PDB file of all heavy atoms in Angstrom:
ATOM      1  N   LYS A   1      31.512 103.099  98.893  1.00  0.00           N
ATOM      2  CA  LYS A   1      32.217 102.129  99.725  1.00  0.00           C
ATOM      3  C   LYS A   1      32.950 102.877 100.837  1.00  0.00           C
ATOM      4  O   LYS A   1      34.170 103.010 100.824  1.00  0.00           O
ATOM      5  CB  LYS A   1      33.181 101.308  98.877  1.00  0.00           C
ATOM      6  CG  LYS A   1      32.473 100.471  97.840  1.00  0.00           C
ATOM      7  CD  LYS A   1      33.422  99.661  97.021  1.00  0.00           C
ATOM      8  CE  LYS A   1      32.653  98.810  96.017  1.00  0.00           C
ATOM      9  NZ  LYS A   1      33.547  98.078  95.141  1.00  0.00           N
ATOM     10  N   VAL A   2      32.179 103.344 101.818  1.00  0.00           N
ATOM     11  CA  VAL A   2      32.755 104.188 102.866  1.00  0.00           C
ATOM     12  C   VAL A   2      32.784 103.532 104.244  1.00  0.00           C
ATOM     13  O   VAL A   2      33.324 104.100 105.179  1.00  0.00           O
ATOM     14  CB  VAL A   2      32.010 105.539 102.963  1.00  0.00           C
ATOM     15  CG1 VAL A   2      32.110 106.307 101.666  1.00  0.00           C
ATOM     16  CG2 VAL A   2      30.558 105.351 103.361  1.00  0.00           C
ATOM     17  N   SER A   3      32.215 102.355 104.369  1.00  0.00           N
ATOM     18  CA  SER A   3      32.145 101.710 105.691  1.00  0.00           C
ATOM     19  C   SER A   3      33.517 101.444 106.298  1.00  0.00           C
ATOM     20  O   SER A   3      33.740 101.708 107.459  1.00  0.00           O
ATOM     21  CB  SER A   3      31.367 100.400 105.614  1.00  0.00           C
ATOM     22  OG  SER A   3      30.015 100.666 105.393  1.00  0.00           O
ATOM     23  N   ALA A   4      34.421 100.928 105.526  1.00  0.00           N
ATOM     24  CA  ALA A   4      35.761 100.618 106.033  1.00  0.00           C
ATOM     25  C   ALA A   4      36.767 100.856 104.918  1.00  0.00           C
ATOM     26  O   ALA A   4      37.185  99.926 104.236  1.00  0.00           O
ATOM     27  CB  ALA A   4      35.825  99.191 106.540  1.00  0.00           C
ATOM     28  N   ILE A   5      37.134 102.098 104.741  1.00  0.00           N
ATOM     29  CA  ILE A   5      38.120 102.417 103.708  1.00  0.00           C
ATOM     30  C   ILE A   5      39.497 102.074 104.255  1.00  0.00           C
ATOM     31  O   ILE A   5      39.880 102.528 105.326  1.00  0.00           O
ATOM     32  CB  ILE A   5      38.054 103.904 103.300  1.00  0.00           C
ATOM     33  CG1 ILE A   5      36.676 104.240 102.735  1.00  0.00           C
ATOM     34  CG2 ILE A   5      39.147 104.217 102.282  1.00  0.00           C
ATOM     35  CD1 ILE A   5      36.487 105.706 102.377  1.00  0.00           C
ATOM     36  N   THR A   6      40.197 101.254 103.520  1.00  0.00           N
ATOM     37  CA  THR A   6      41.530 100.839 103.955  1.00  0.00           C
ATOM     38  C   THR A   6      42.604 101.574 103.168  1.00  0.00           C
ATOM     39  O   THR A   6      42.336 102.190 102.142  1.00  0.00           O
ATOM     40  CB  THR A   6      41.724  99.320 103.792  1.00  0.00           C
ATOM     41  OG1 THR A   6      41.493  98.976 102.433  1.00  0.00           O
ATOM     42  CG2 THR A   6      40.768  98.541 104.692  1.00  0.00           C
ATOM     43  N   CYS A   7      43.812 101.445 103.637  1.00  0.00           N
ATOM     44  CA  CYS A   7      44.982 102.055 103.018  1.00  0.00           C
ATOM     45  C   CYS A   7      45.066 101.630 101.547  1.00  0.00           C
ATOM     46  O   CYS A   7      44.712 100.504 101.202  1.00  0.00           O
ATOM     47  CB  CYS A   7      46.227 101.619 103.777  1.00  0.00           C
ATOM     48  SG  CYS A   7      47.763 102.212 103.070  1.00  0.00           S
ATOM     49  N   SER A   8      45.547 102.531 100.719  1.00  0.00           N
ATOM     50  CA  SER A   8      45.639 102.228  99.287  1.00  0.00           C
ATOM     51  C   SER A   8      46.912 101.473  98.908  1.00  0.00           C
ATOM     52  O   SER A   8      47.046 101.010  97.779  1.00  0.00           O
ATOM     53  CB  SER A   8      45.569 103.524  98.471  1.00  0.00           C
ATOM     54  OG  SER A   8      46.682 104.337  98.763  1.00  0.00           O
ATOM     55  N   SER A   9      47.819 101.334  99.843  1.00  0.00           N
ATOM     56  CA  SER A   9      49.073 100.630  99.538  1.00  0.00           C
ATOM     57  C   SER A   9      48.828  99.134  99.364  1.00  0.00           C
ATOM     58  O   SER A   9      47.975  98.548 100.024  1.00  0.00           O
ATOM     59  CB  SER A   9      50.097 100.841 100.654  1.00  0.00           C
ATOM     60  OG  SER A   9      50.454 102.191 100.736  1.00  0.00           O
ATOM     61  N   TYR A  10      49.618  98.536  98.510  1.00  0.00           N
ATOM     62  CA  TYR A  10      49.503  97.114  98.208  1.00  0.00           C
ATOM     63  C   TYR A  10      49.635  96.272  99.475  1.00  0.00           C
ATOM     64  O   TYR A  10      50.572  96.444 100.257  1.00  0.00           O
ATOM     65  CB  TYR A  10      50.581  96.737  97.182  1.00  0.00           C
ATOM     66  CG  TYR A  10      50.536  95.298  96.741  1.00  0.00           C
ATOM     67  CD1 TYR A  10      49.464  94.816  95.999  1.00  0.00           C
ATOM     68  CD2 TYR A  10      51.557  94.420  97.084  1.00  0.00           C
ATOM     69  CE1 TYR A  10      49.414  93.502  95.588  1.00  0.00           C
ATOM     70  CE2 TYR A  10      51.521  93.096  96.671  1.00  0.00           C
ATOM     71  CZ  TYR A  10      50.445  92.642  95.929  1.00  0.00           C
ATOM     72  OH  TYR A  10      50.394  91.336  95.530  1.00  0.00           O
ATOM     73  N   LYS A  11      48.685  95.377  99.686  1.00  0.00           N
ATOM     74  CA  LYS A  11      48.641  94.452 100.830  1.00  0.00           C
ATOM     75  C   LYS A  11      48.546  95.129 102.190  1.00  0.00           C
ATOM     76  O   LYS A  11      48.868  94.530 103.210  1.00  0.00           O
ATOM     77  CB  LYS A  11      49.833  93.495 100.804  1.00  0.00           C
ATOM     78  CG  LYS A  11      49.772  92.497  99.669  1.00  0.00           C
ATOM     79  CD  LYS A  11      50.824  91.413  99.835  1.00  0.00           C
ATOM     80  CE  LYS A  11      50.702  90.391  98.748  1.00  0.00           C
ATOM     81  NZ  LYS A  11      51.634  89.288  98.903  1.00  0.00           N
ATOM     82  N   CYS A  12      48.139  96.379 102.227  1.00  0.00           N
ATOM     83  CA  CYS A  12      47.947  97.069 103.509  1.00  0.00           C
ATOM     84  C   CYS A  12      46.458  97.057 103.827  1.00  0.00           C
ATOM     85  O   CYS A  12      45.636  97.445 103.010  1.00  0.00           O
ATOM     86  CB  CYS A  12      48.456  98.509 103.436  1.00  0.00           C
ATOM     87  SG  CYS A  12      48.274  99.388 105.006  1.00  0.00           S
ATOM     88  N   SER A  13      46.116  96.597 105.013  1.00  0.00           N
ATOM     89  CA  SER A  13      44.706  96.493 105.388  1.00  0.00           C
ATOM     90  C   SER A  13      44.338  97.428 106.546  1.00  0.00           C
ATOM     91  O   SER A  13      43.309  97.246 107.182  1.00  0.00           O
ATOM     92  CB  SER A  13      44.377  95.053 105.757  1.00  0.00           C
ATOM     93  OG  SER A  13      45.181  94.636 106.843  1.00  0.00           O
ATOM     94  N   VAL A  14      45.156  98.423 106.794  1.00  0.00           N
ATOM     95  CA  VAL A  14      44.877  99.380 107.870  1.00  0.00           C
ATOM     96  C   VAL A  14      43.663 100.226 107.482  1.00  0.00           C
ATOM     97  O   VAL A  14      43.595 100.769 106.383  1.00  0.00           O
ATOM     98  CB  VAL A  14      46.103 100.291 108.130  1.00  0.00           C
ATOM     99  CG1 VAL A  14      45.771 101.398 109.112  1.00  0.00           C
ATOM    100  CG2 VAL A  14      47.268  99.462 108.627  1.00  0.00           C
ATOM    101  N   SER A  15      42.695 100.329 108.397  1.00  0.00           N
ATOM    102  CA  SER A  15      41.517 101.156 108.148  1.00  0.00           C
ATOM    103  C   SER A  15      41.861 102.622 108.368  1.00  0.00           C
ATOM    104  O   SER A  15      42.528 102.971 109.342  1.00  0.00           O
ATOM    105  CB  SER A  15      40.379 100.761 109.086  1.00  0.00           C
ATOM    106  OG  SER A  15      39.915  99.476 108.760  1.00  0.00           O
ATOM    107  N   LEU A  16      41.370 103.453 107.470  1.00  0.00           N
ATOM    108  CA  LEU A  16      41.619 104.882 107.577  1.00  0.00           C
ATOM    109  C   LEU A  16      40.611 105.523 108.514  1.00  0.00           C
ATOM    110  O   LEU A  16      39.430 105.174 108.486  1.00  0.00           O
ATOM    111  CB  LEU A  16      41.530 105.537 106.200  1.00  0.00           C
ATOM    112  CG  LEU A  16      42.421 104.955 105.110  1.00  0.00           C
ATOM    113  CD1 LEU A  16      42.194 105.691 103.801  1.00  0.00           C
ATOM    114  CD2 LEU A  16      43.880 105.020 105.508  1.00  0.00           C
ATOM    115  N   THR A  17      41.063 106.475 109.307  1.00  0.00           N
ATOM    116  CA  THR A  17      40.157 107.183 110.208  1.00  0.00           C
ATOM    117  C   THR A  17      39.418 108.277 109.433  1.00  0.00           C
ATOM    118  O   THR A  17      39.868 108.726 108.377  1.00  0.00           O
ATOM    119  CB  THR A  17      40.919 107.838 111.374  1.00  0.00           C
ATOM    120  OG1 THR A  17      41.775 108.857 110.842  1.00  0.00           O
ATOM    121  CG2 THR A  17      41.715 106.809 112.160  1.00  0.00           C
ATOM    122  N   GLU A  18      38.309 108.712 109.994  1.00  0.00           N
ATOM    123  CA  GLU A  18      37.546 109.782 109.365  1.00  0.00           C
ATOM    124  C   GLU A  18      38.375 111.070 109.286  1.00  0.00           C
ATOM    125  O   GLU A  18      38.325 111.788 108.285  1.00  0.00           O
ATOM    126  CB  GLU A  18      36.247 110.026 110.127  1.00  0.00           C
ATOM    127  CG  GLU A  18      35.339 111.003 109.435  1.00  0.00           C
ATOM    128  CD  GLU A  18      33.944 111.040 110.029  1.00  0.00           C
ATOM    129  OE1 GLU A  18      33.580 110.146 110.800  1.00  0.00           O
ATOM    130  OE2 GLU A  18      33.225 111.993 109.693  1.00  0.00           O
ATOM    131  N   ASP A  19      39.156 111.350 110.321  1.00  0.00           N
ATOM    132  CA  ASP A  19      40.015 112.541 110.307  1.00  0.00           C
ATOM    133  C   ASP A  19      41.029 112.476 109.169  1.00  0.00           C
ATOM    134  O   ASP A  19      41.286 113.478 108.502  1.00  0.00           O
ATOM    135  CB  ASP A  19      40.749 112.704 111.639  1.00  0.00           C
ATOM    136  CG  ASP A  19      39.835 113.100 112.774  1.00  0.00           C
ATOM    137  OD1 ASP A  19      38.737 113.644 112.498  1.00  0.00           O
ATOM    138  OD2 ASP A  19      40.206 112.876 113.938  1.00  0.00           O
ATOM    139  N   PHE A  20      41.613 111.311 108.961  1.00  0.00           N
ATOM    140  CA  PHE A  20      42.585 111.134 107.882  1.00  0.00           C
ATOM    141  C   PHE A  20      41.919 111.375 106.532  1.00  0.00           C
ATOM    142  O   PHE A  20      42.444 112.085 105.679  1.00  0.00           O
ATOM    143  CB  PHE A  20      43.190 109.729 107.942  1.00  0.00           C
ATOM    144  CG  PHE A  20      44.245 109.485 106.901  1.00  0.00           C
ATOM    145  CD1 PHE A  20      45.559 109.842 107.134  1.00  0.00           C
ATOM    146  CD2 PHE A  20      43.924 108.904 105.683  1.00  0.00           C
ATOM    147  CE1 PHE A  20      46.543 109.628 106.175  1.00  0.00           C
ATOM    148  CE2 PHE A  20      44.893 108.677 104.720  1.00  0.00           C
ATOM    149  CZ  PHE A  20      46.211 109.050 104.969  1.00  0.00           C
ATOM    150  N   ILE A  21      40.748 110.794 106.347  1.00  0.00           N
ATOM    151  CA  ILE A  21      40.015 110.934 105.090  1.00  0.00           C
ATOM    152  C   ILE A  21      39.648 112.392 104.838  1.00  0.00           C
ATOM    153  O   ILE A  21      39.844 112.922 103.738  1.00  0.00           O
ATOM    154  CB  ILE A  21      38.759 110.037 105.090  1.00  0.00           C
ATOM    155  CG1 ILE A  21      39.171 108.557 105.096  1.00  0.00           C
ATOM    156  CG2 ILE A  21      37.843 110.356 103.914  1.00  0.00           C
ATOM    157  CD1 ILE A  21      38.059 107.589 105.407  1.00  0.00           C
ATOM    158  N   MET A  22      39.143 113.058 105.883  1.00  0.00           N
ATOM    159  CA  MET A  22      38.691 114.436 105.727  1.00  0.00           C
ATOM    160  C   MET A  22      39.824 115.395 105.367  1.00  0.00           C
ATOM    161  O   MET A  22      39.587 116.387 104.669  1.00  0.00           O
ATOM    162  CB  MET A  22      37.961 114.906 106.982  1.00  0.00           C
ATOM    163  CG  MET A  22      36.603 114.250 107.180  1.00  0.00           C
ATOM    164  SD  MET A  22      35.475 114.426 105.775  1.00  0.00           S
ATOM    165  CE  MET A  22      35.150 116.174 105.819  1.00  0.00           C
ATOM    166  N   GLN A  23      41.032 115.117 105.801  1.00  0.00           N
ATOM    167  CA  GLN A  23      42.118 116.032 105.459  1.00  0.00           C
ATOM    168  C   GLN A  23      42.388 116.068 103.953  1.00  0.00           C
ATOM    169  O   GLN A  23      42.927 117.050 103.442  1.00  0.00           O
ATOM    170  CB  GLN A  23      43.386 115.703 106.243  1.00  0.00           C
ATOM    171  CG  GLN A  23      44.112 114.460 105.818  1.00  0.00           C
ATOM    172  CD  GLN A  23      45.398 114.252 106.604  1.00  0.00           C
ATOM    173  OE1 GLN A  23      46.152 115.180 106.826  1.00  0.00           O
ATOM    174  NE2 GLN A  23      45.618 113.025 107.014  1.00  0.00           N
ATOM    175  N   PHE A  24      41.983 115.045 103.223  1.00  0.00           N
ATOM    176  CA  PHE A  24      42.187 115.006 101.780  1.00  0.00           C
ATOM    177  C   PHE A  24      40.971 115.460 100.979  1.00  0.00           C
ATOM    178  O   PHE A  24      41.111 115.882  99.836  1.00  0.00           O
ATOM    179  CB  PHE A  24      42.592 113.598 101.331  1.00  0.00           C
ATOM    180  CG  PHE A  24      43.926 113.185 101.868  1.00  0.00           C
ATOM    181  CD1 PHE A  24      44.013 112.346 102.963  1.00  0.00           C
ATOM    182  CD2 PHE A  24      45.096 113.670 101.309  1.00  0.00           C
ATOM    183  CE1 PHE A  24      45.247 111.977 103.485  1.00  0.00           C
ATOM    184  CE2 PHE A  24      46.331 113.319 101.815  1.00  0.00           C
ATOM    185  CZ  PHE A  24      46.406 112.467 102.914  1.00  0.00           C
ATOM    186  N   ILE A  25      39.781 115.364 101.565  1.00  0.00           N
ATOM    187  CA  ILE A  25      38.577 115.702 100.800  1.00  0.00           C
ATOM    188  C   ILE A  25      37.874 116.958 101.290  1.00  0.00           C
ATOM    189  O   ILE A  25      36.897 117.385 100.683  1.00  0.00           O
ATOM    190  CB  ILE A  25      37.585 114.517 100.776  1.00  0.00           C
ATOM    191  CG1 ILE A  25      37.033 114.228 102.161  1.00  0.00           C
ATOM    192  CG2 ILE A  25      38.217 113.288 100.151  1.00  0.00           C
ATOM    193  CD1 ILE A  25      35.844 113.280 102.170  1.00  0.00           C
ATOM    194  N   LYS A  26      38.339 117.558 102.359  1.00  0.00           N
ATOM    195  CA  LYS A  26      37.627 118.684 102.980  1.00  0.00           C
ATOM    196  C   LYS A  26      37.450 119.890 102.058  1.00  0.00           C
ATOM    197  O   LYS A  26      36.495 120.647 102.206  1.00  0.00           O
ATOM    198  CB  LYS A  26      38.324 119.112 104.266  1.00  0.00           C
ATOM    199  CG  LYS A  26      39.680 119.729 104.055  1.00  0.00           C
ATOM    200  CD  LYS A  26      40.336 120.088 105.344  1.00  0.00           C
ATOM    201  CE  LYS A  26      41.738 120.622 105.036  1.00  0.00           C
ATOM    202  NZ  LYS A  26      42.550 120.697 106.213  1.00  0.00           N
ATOM    203  N   ASP A  27      38.326 120.085 101.099  1.00  0.00           N
ATOM    204  CA  ASP A  27      38.215 121.229 100.193  1.00  0.00           C
ATOM    205  C   ASP A  27      37.231 121.005  99.050  1.00  0.00           C
ATOM    206  O   ASP A  27      36.916 121.934  98.312  1.00  0.00           O
ATOM    207  CB  ASP A  27      39.594 121.583  99.620  1.00  0.00           C
ATOM    208  CG  ASP A  27      40.549 122.071 100.692  1.00  0.00           C
ATOM    209  OD1 ASP A  27      40.077 122.623 101.713  1.00  0.00           O
ATOM    210  OD2 ASP A  27      41.767 121.891 100.524  1.00  0.00           O
ATOM    211  N   ASP A  28      36.757 119.795  98.903  1.00  0.00           N
ATOM    212  CA  ASP A  28      35.768 119.460  97.883  1.00  0.00           C
ATOM    213  C   ASP A  28      34.422 119.274  98.582  1.00  0.00           C
ATOM    214  O   ASP A  28      34.123 118.198  99.099  1.00  0.00           O
ATOM    215  CB  ASP A  28      36.195 118.183  97.148  1.00  0.00           C
ATOM    216  CG  ASP A  28      35.309 117.858  95.973  1.00  0.00           C
ATOM    217  OD1 ASP A  28      34.081 118.055  96.050  1.00  0.00           O
ATOM    218  OD2 ASP A  28      35.856 117.386  94.952  1.00  0.00           O
ATOM    219  N   ASP A  29      33.626 120.335  98.605  1.00  0.00           N
ATOM    220  CA  ASP A  29      32.355 120.316  99.344  1.00  0.00           C
ATOM    221  C   ASP A  29      31.418 119.209  98.893  1.00  0.00           C
ATOM    222  O   ASP A  29      30.794 118.541  99.711  1.00  0.00           O
ATOM    223  CB  ASP A  29      31.632 121.664  99.225  1.00  0.00           C
ATOM    224  CG  ASP A  29      32.351 122.781  99.945  1.00  0.00           C
ATOM    225  OD1 ASP A  29      33.136 122.487 100.877  1.00  0.00           O
ATOM    226  OD2 ASP A  29      32.139 123.952  99.579  1.00  0.00           O
ATOM    227  N   LYS A  30      31.335 119.001  97.599  1.00  0.00           N
ATOM    228  CA  LYS A  30      30.427 117.984  97.061  1.00  0.00           C
ATOM    229  C   LYS A  30      30.864 116.578  97.515  1.00  0.00           C
ATOM    230  O   LYS A  30      30.042 115.772  97.944  1.00  0.00           O
ATOM    231  CB  LYS A  30      30.422 118.061  95.535  1.00  0.00           C
ATOM    232  CG  LYS A  30      29.255 117.362  94.874  1.00  0.00           C
ATOM    233  CD  LYS A  30      29.350 117.446  93.359  1.00  0.00           C
ATOM    234  CE  LYS A  30      28.533 118.617  92.877  1.00  0.00           C
ATOM    235  NZ  LYS A  30      28.450 118.634  91.397  1.00  0.00           N
ATOM    236  N   LEU A  31      32.155 116.313  97.461  1.00  0.00           N
ATOM    237  CA  LEU A  31      32.675 115.003  97.837  1.00  0.00           C
ATOM    238  C   LEU A  31      32.565 114.776  99.348  1.00  0.00           C
ATOM    239  O   LEU A  31      32.172 113.695  99.782  1.00  0.00           O
ATOM    240  CB  LEU A  31      34.128 114.849  97.385  1.00  0.00           C
ATOM    241  CG  LEU A  31      34.728 113.459  97.503  1.00  0.00           C
ATOM    242  CD1 LEU A  31      33.953 112.456  96.658  1.00  0.00           C
ATOM    243  CD2 LEU A  31      36.187 113.481  97.090  1.00  0.00           C
ATOM    244  N   SER A  32      32.863 115.787 100.142  1.00  0.00           N
ATOM    245  CA  SER A  32      32.782 115.612 101.596  1.00  0.00           C
ATOM    246  C   SER A  32      31.327 115.447 102.052  1.00  0.00           C
ATOM    247  O   SER A  32      31.048 114.675 102.971  1.00  0.00           O
ATOM    248  CB  SER A  32      33.475 116.754 102.344  1.00  0.00           C
ATOM    249  OG  SER A  32      32.961 117.997 101.986  1.00  0.00           O
ATOM    250  N   THR A  33      30.395 116.114 101.379  1.00  0.00           N
ATOM    251  CA  THR A  33      28.969 115.929 101.683  1.00  0.00           C
ATOM    252  C   THR A  33      28.536 114.520 101.310  1.00  0.00           C
ATOM    253  O   THR A  33      27.828 113.847 102.069  1.00  0.00           O
ATOM    254  CB  THR A  33      28.107 116.961 100.934  1.00  0.00           C
ATOM    255  OG1 THR A  33      28.478 118.267 101.363  1.00  0.00           O
ATOM    256  CG2 THR A  33      26.625 116.741 101.179  1.00  0.00           C
TER     257      THR A  33
END
């Protein structure tokens, strides 16, 4: 489910940017691939 990942906070519908996402997953090669 990567098309429009939204904020994880309750009732927040802000879409996350790719840069934001990558800062959390970049160290996990398998997950970022």
